[in-house]
Amino acid sequence: MDFVSRMLKVYQQLVEKTKSTPGALVENNKFCLSVHFRCVDEKKWSELARQVKSVLKEYPKLRLTQGRKVLEIRPTIKWDKGKALEFLLESLGEF
């Protein structure tokens, strides 16, 4: 299974797993998934995190990070905005 297909499968599992949590929103950003909990009752945050982690157990090549009221699921590769910019500049022949 290729990366994009795997992310789509994880996205579908997260949507199914979190649908019982009012206010939770799963977003598919193609190369990253986000589970927003800004609109989730604070008492439900821990349970939502457990739901997300239970899905990710099956995918050791994905890692979970946390932002401002968002859980992000990313590949375990070392990639950030700086590396993306370097890649683009090199690809365009301007680096």
N, C-alpha and C. Protein backbone atom coordinates (compact mmCIF):
# COMPACT_ATOMS: atom_id res chain seq x y z
N MET A 1 0.85 -1.17 0.00
CA MET A 1 0.00 0.00 0.00
C MET A 1 0.90 1.24 0.00
N ASP A 2 0.63 2.18 -0.90
CA ASP A 2 1.45 3.39 -0.95
C ASP A 2 1.07 4.34 0.18
N PHE A 3 1.88 5.36 0.35
CA PHE A 3 1.72 6.28 1.48
C PHE A 3 0.37 6.98 1.48
N VAL A 4 -0.04 7.52 0.34
CA VAL A 4 -1.30 8.27 0.28
C VAL A 4 -2.48 7.35 0.58
N SER A 5 -2.44 6.13 0.07
CA SER A 5 -3.51 5.16 0.35
C SER A 5 -3.55 4.81 1.84
N ARG A 6 -2.37 4.66 2.44
CA ARG A 6 -2.30 4.36 3.88
C ARG A 6 -2.89 5.52 4.69
N MET A 7 -2.54 6.75 4.33
CA MET A 7 -3.07 7.91 5.05
C MET A 7 -4.58 8.00 4.91
N LEU A 8 -5.11 7.66 3.73
CA LEU A 8 -6.55 7.68 3.53
C LEU A 8 -7.22 6.63 4.42
N LYS A 9 -6.60 5.47 4.53
CA LYS A 9 -7.16 4.41 5.38
C LYS A 9 -7.16 4.85 6.85
N VAL A 10 -6.06 5.44 7.29
CA VAL A 10 -5.98 5.93 8.68
C VAL A 10 -7.01 7.03 8.91
N TYR A 11 -7.15 7.92 7.94
CA TYR A 11 -8.16 8.99 8.02
C TYR A 11 -9.55 8.39 8.24
N GLN A 12 -9.91 7.40 7.42
CA GLN A 12 -11.23 6.77 7.53
C GLN A 12 -11.41 6.11 8.90
N GLN A 13 -10.36 5.47 9.40
CA GLN A 13 -10.44 4.83 10.72
C GLN A 13 -10.60 5.88 11.82
N LEU A 14 -9.89 6.99 11.69
CA LEU A 14 -9.99 8.05 12.70
C LEU A 14 -11.39 8.68 12.70
N VAL A 15 -11.94 8.91 11.51
CA VAL A 15 -13.30 9.47 11.43
C VAL A 15 -14.28 8.54 12.13
N GLU A 16 -14.16 7.24 11.85
CA GLU A 16 -15.06 6.25 12.46
C GLU A 16 -14.88 6.20 13.98
N LYS A 17 -13.62 6.18 14.41
CA LYS A 17 -13.30 6.03 15.84
C LYS A 17 -13.73 7.25 16.66
N THR A 18 -13.63 8.44 16.05
CA THR A 18 -13.88 9.68 16.82
C THR A 18 -15.30 10.23 16.64
N LYS A 19 -16.11 9.58 15.83
CA LYS A 19 -17.44 10.13 15.56
C LYS A 19 -18.33 10.18 16.81
N SER A 20 -17.99 9.42 17.83
CA SER A 20 -18.77 9.45 19.07
C SER A 20 -18.36 10.61 19.98
N THR A 21 -17.36 11.39 19.58
CA THR A 21 -16.90 12.53 20.38
C THR A 21 -17.41 13.82 19.72
N PRO A 22 -18.44 14.43 20.31
CA PRO A 22 -18.98 15.66 19.73
C PRO A 22 -17.92 16.76 19.63
N GLY A 23 -17.85 17.39 18.46
CA GLY A 23 -16.92 18.50 18.25
C GLY A 23 -15.59 18.09 17.65
N ALA A 24 -15.28 16.80 17.64
CA ALA A 24 -14.00 16.34 17.06
C ALA A 24 -14.09 16.43 15.54
N LEU A 25 -13.02 16.88 14.92
CA LEU A 25 -12.97 17.03 13.47
C LEU A 25 -11.67 16.44 12.96
N VAL A 26 -11.76 15.48 12.05
CA VAL A 26 -10.58 14.86 11.45
C VAL A 26 -10.41 15.46 10.06
N GLU A 27 -9.20 15.94 9.81
CA GLU A 27 -8.90 16.60 8.54
C GLU A 27 -7.79 15.84 7.81
N ASN A 28 -8.01 15.58 6.53
CA ASN A 28 -7.02 14.89 5.71
C ASN A 28 -6.27 15.93 4.90
N ASN A 29 -5.00 16.14 5.25
CA ASN A 29 -4.16 17.11 4.55
C ASN A 29 -3.23 16.40 3.56
N LYS A 30 -3.59 15.21 3.16
CA LYS A 30 -2.88 14.33 2.22
C LYS A 30 -1.61 13.74 2.82
N PHE A 31 -0.68 14.56 3.27
CA PHE A 31 0.58 14.05 3.83
C PHE A 31 0.59 14.08 5.35
N CYS A 32 -0.47 14.60 5.93
CA CYS A 32 -0.60 14.73 7.38
C CYS A 32 -2.09 14.69 7.69
N LEU A 33 -2.43 14.10 8.83
CA LEU A 33 -3.82 14.10 9.28
C LEU A 33 -3.90 14.93 10.55
N SER A 34 -4.99 15.64 10.72
CA SER A 34 -5.18 16.47 11.91
C SER A 34 -6.49 16.08 12.58
N VAL A 35 -6.45 15.93 13.89
CA VAL A 35 -7.66 15.70 14.67
C VAL A 35 -7.83 16.93 15.56
N HIS A 36 -8.76 17.79 15.18
CA HIS A 36 -9.00 19.03 15.90
C HIS A 36 -9.93 18.77 17.07
N PHE A 37 -9.59 19.35 18.22
CA PHE A 37 -10.47 19.16 19.38
C PHE A 37 -10.82 20.49 20.05
N ARG A 38 -10.71 21.58 19.33
CA ARG A 38 -11.06 22.91 19.84
C ARG A 38 -12.51 22.96 20.33
N CYS A 39 -13.40 22.24 19.64
CA CYS A 39 -14.82 22.27 19.99
C CYS A 39 -15.26 21.07 20.84
N VAL A 40 -14.29 20.32 21.34
CA VAL A 40 -14.59 19.16 22.18
C VAL A 40 -14.57 19.58 23.64
N ASP A 41 -15.52 19.09 24.41
CA ASP A 41 -15.57 19.35 25.85
C ASP A 41 -14.24 18.90 26.47
N GLU A 42 -13.66 19.76 27.27
CA GLU A 42 -12.35 19.48 27.87
C GLU A 42 -12.30 18.15 28.60
N LYS A 43 -13.42 17.73 29.18
CA LYS A 43 -13.47 16.45 29.90
C LYS A 43 -13.29 15.26 28.96
N LYS A 44 -13.47 15.46 27.67
CA LYS A 44 -13.38 14.38 26.69
C LYS A 44 -12.03 14.34 25.96
N TRP A 45 -11.14 15.28 26.25
CA TRP A 45 -9.86 15.34 25.54
C TRP A 45 -9.04 14.07 25.70
N SER A 46 -8.93 13.56 26.92
CA SER A 46 -8.12 12.36 27.17
C SER A 46 -8.68 11.16 26.41
N GLU A 47 -9.99 11.03 26.43
CA GLU A 47 -10.62 9.91 25.72
C GLU A 47 -10.38 10.02 24.22
N LEU A 48 -10.45 11.22 23.68
CA LEU A 48 -10.19 11.42 22.25
C LEU A 48 -8.75 11.04 21.92
N ALA A 49 -7.81 11.44 22.75
CA ALA A 49 -6.40 11.09 22.54
C ALA A 49 -6.22 9.57 22.56
N ARG A 50 -6.91 8.88 23.47
CA ARG A 50 -6.84 7.41 23.53
C ARG A 50 -7.40 6.80 22.24
N GLN A 51 -8.48 7.36 21.74
CA GLN A 51 -9.08 6.84 20.50
C GLN A 51 -8.08 6.97 19.34
N VAL A 52 -7.45 8.12 19.24
CA VAL A 52 -6.48 8.35 18.17
C VAL A 52 -5.30 7.40 18.31
N LYS A 53 -4.76 7.27 19.52
CA LYS A 53 -3.62 6.39 19.74
C LYS A 53 -3.97 4.94 19.45
N SER A 54 -5.21 4.53 19.72
CA SER A 54 -5.60 3.14 19.46
C SER A 54 -5.57 2.84 17.96
N VAL A 55 -5.89 3.82 17.13
CA VAL A 55 -5.82 3.63 15.67
C VAL A 55 -4.36 3.55 15.24
N LEU A 56 -3.52 4.41 15.80
CA LEU A 56 -2.13 4.50 15.37
C LEU A 56 -1.27 3.31 15.79
N LYS A 57 -1.73 2.51 16.73
CA LYS A 57 -0.98 1.31 17.13
C LYS A 57 -0.66 0.42 15.94
N GLU A 58 -1.55 0.41 14.96
CA GLU A 58 -1.39 -0.45 13.78
C GLU A 58 -0.43 0.15 12.74
N TYR A 59 0.03 1.37 12.98
CA TYR A 59 0.84 2.07 11.98
C TYR A 59 2.12 2.62 12.61
N PRO A 60 3.12 1.79 12.80
CA PRO A 60 4.35 2.22 13.47
C PRO A 60 5.16 3.26 12.69
N LYS A 61 4.87 3.42 11.40
CA LYS A 61 5.62 4.40 10.61
C LYS A 61 4.99 5.80 10.67
N LEU A 62 3.96 5.94 11.52
CA LEU A 62 3.34 7.25 11.71
C LEU A 62 3.58 7.69 13.14
N ARG A 63 3.71 9.00 13.33
CA ARG A 63 3.92 9.51 14.69
C ARG A 63 2.86 10.55 15.01
N LEU A 64 2.60 10.70 16.28
CA LEU A 64 1.59 11.61 16.78
C LEU A 64 2.27 12.81 17.42
N THR A 65 1.87 14.00 17.01
CA THR A 65 2.36 15.22 17.65
C THR A 65 1.14 16.04 18.05
N GLN A 66 1.37 17.02 18.93
CA GLN A 66 0.25 17.83 19.39
C GLN A 66 0.55 19.30 19.17
N GLY A 67 -0.45 20.01 18.66
CA GLY A 67 -0.36 21.45 18.50
C GLY A 67 -1.41 22.11 19.37
N ARG A 68 -1.84 23.28 18.97
CA ARG A 68 -2.88 23.99 19.73
C ARG A 68 -4.24 23.37 19.46
N LYS A 69 -4.69 22.57 20.41
CA LYS A 69 -5.97 21.88 20.33
C LYS A 69 -6.10 21.06 19.04
N VAL A 70 -4.98 20.46 18.65
CA VAL A 70 -4.98 19.58 17.48
C VAL A 70 -3.95 18.48 17.69
N LEU A 71 -4.32 17.27 17.31
CA LEU A 71 -3.39 16.14 17.28
C LEU A 71 -3.03 15.92 15.81
N GLU A 72 -1.77 15.81 15.52
CA GLU A 72 -1.34 15.64 14.13
C GLU A 72 -0.66 14.30 13.95
N ILE A 73 -1.00 13.64 12.87
CA ILE A 73 -0.44 12.34 12.54
C ILE A 73 0.42 12.56 11.30
N ARG A 74 1.70 12.25 11.45
CA ARG A 74 2.67 12.49 10.38
C ARG A 74 3.54 11.26 10.17
N PRO A 75 4.17 11.18 9.01
CA PRO A 75 5.14 10.09 8.81
C PRO A 75 6.34 10.31 9.72
N THR A 76 7.07 9.26 10.00
CA THR A 76 8.22 9.36 10.91
C THR A 76 9.47 9.90 10.23
N ILE A 77 9.36 10.34 8.98
CA ILE A 77 10.52 10.90 8.30
C ILE A 77 10.85 12.27 8.88
N LYS A 78 12.11 12.67 8.76
CA LYS A 78 12.52 13.99 9.24
C LYS A 78 12.19 15.00 8.15
N TRP A 79 11.10 15.72 8.34
CA TRP A 79 10.61 16.64 7.32
C TRP A 79 9.97 17.82 8.04
N ASP A 80 10.32 18.99 7.66
CA ASP A 80 9.72 20.20 8.22
C ASP A 80 9.67 21.25 7.12
N LYS A 81 9.21 22.44 7.43
CA LYS A 81 9.07 23.49 6.42
C LYS A 81 10.42 23.85 5.80
N GLY A 82 11.46 23.86 6.60
CA GLY A 82 12.80 24.18 6.08
C GLY A 82 13.27 23.14 5.08
N LYS A 83 13.10 21.86 5.43
CA LYS A 83 13.51 20.79 4.51
C LYS A 83 12.65 20.81 3.24
N ALA A 84 11.38 21.14 3.38
CA ALA A 84 10.50 21.23 2.21
C ALA A 84 10.97 22.36 1.29
N LEU A 85 11.33 23.48 1.88
CA LEU A 85 11.82 24.61 1.08
C LEU A 85 13.12 24.24 0.35
N GLU A 86 14.04 23.60 1.06
CA GLU A 86 15.29 23.16 0.43
C GLU A 86 15.00 22.22 -0.74
N PHE A 87 14.09 21.28 -0.52
CA PHE A 87 13.72 20.33 -1.58
C PHE A 87 13.18 21.07 -2.80
N LEU A 88 12.28 22.03 -2.56
CA LEU A 88 11.69 22.78 -3.67
C LEU A 88 12.75 23.59 -4.42
N LEU A 89 13.62 24.26 -3.67
CA LEU A 89 14.66 25.06 -4.31
C LEU A 89 15.60 24.18 -5.14
N GLU A 90 15.99 23.03 -4.58
CA GLU A 90 16.85 22.11 -5.33
C GLU A 90 16.13 21.57 -6.57
N SER A 91 14.85 21.25 -6.41
CA SER A 91 14.05 20.71 -7.53
C SER A 91 13.93 21.74 -8.65
N LEU A 92 13.83 22.99 -8.26
CA LEU A 92 13.67 24.07 -9.25
C LEU A 92 15.02 24.54 -9.81
N GLY A 93 16.11 24.00 -9.27
CA GLY A 93 17.43 24.37 -9.76
C GLY A 93 17.90 25.74 -9.34
N GLU A 94 17.36 26.23 -8.23
CA GLU A 94 17.71 27.58 -7.78
C GLU A 94 18.47 27.55 -6.45
N PHE A 95 19.00 26.42 -6.08
CA PHE A 95 19.66 26.33 -4.77
C PHE A 95 21.13 26.10 -4.96
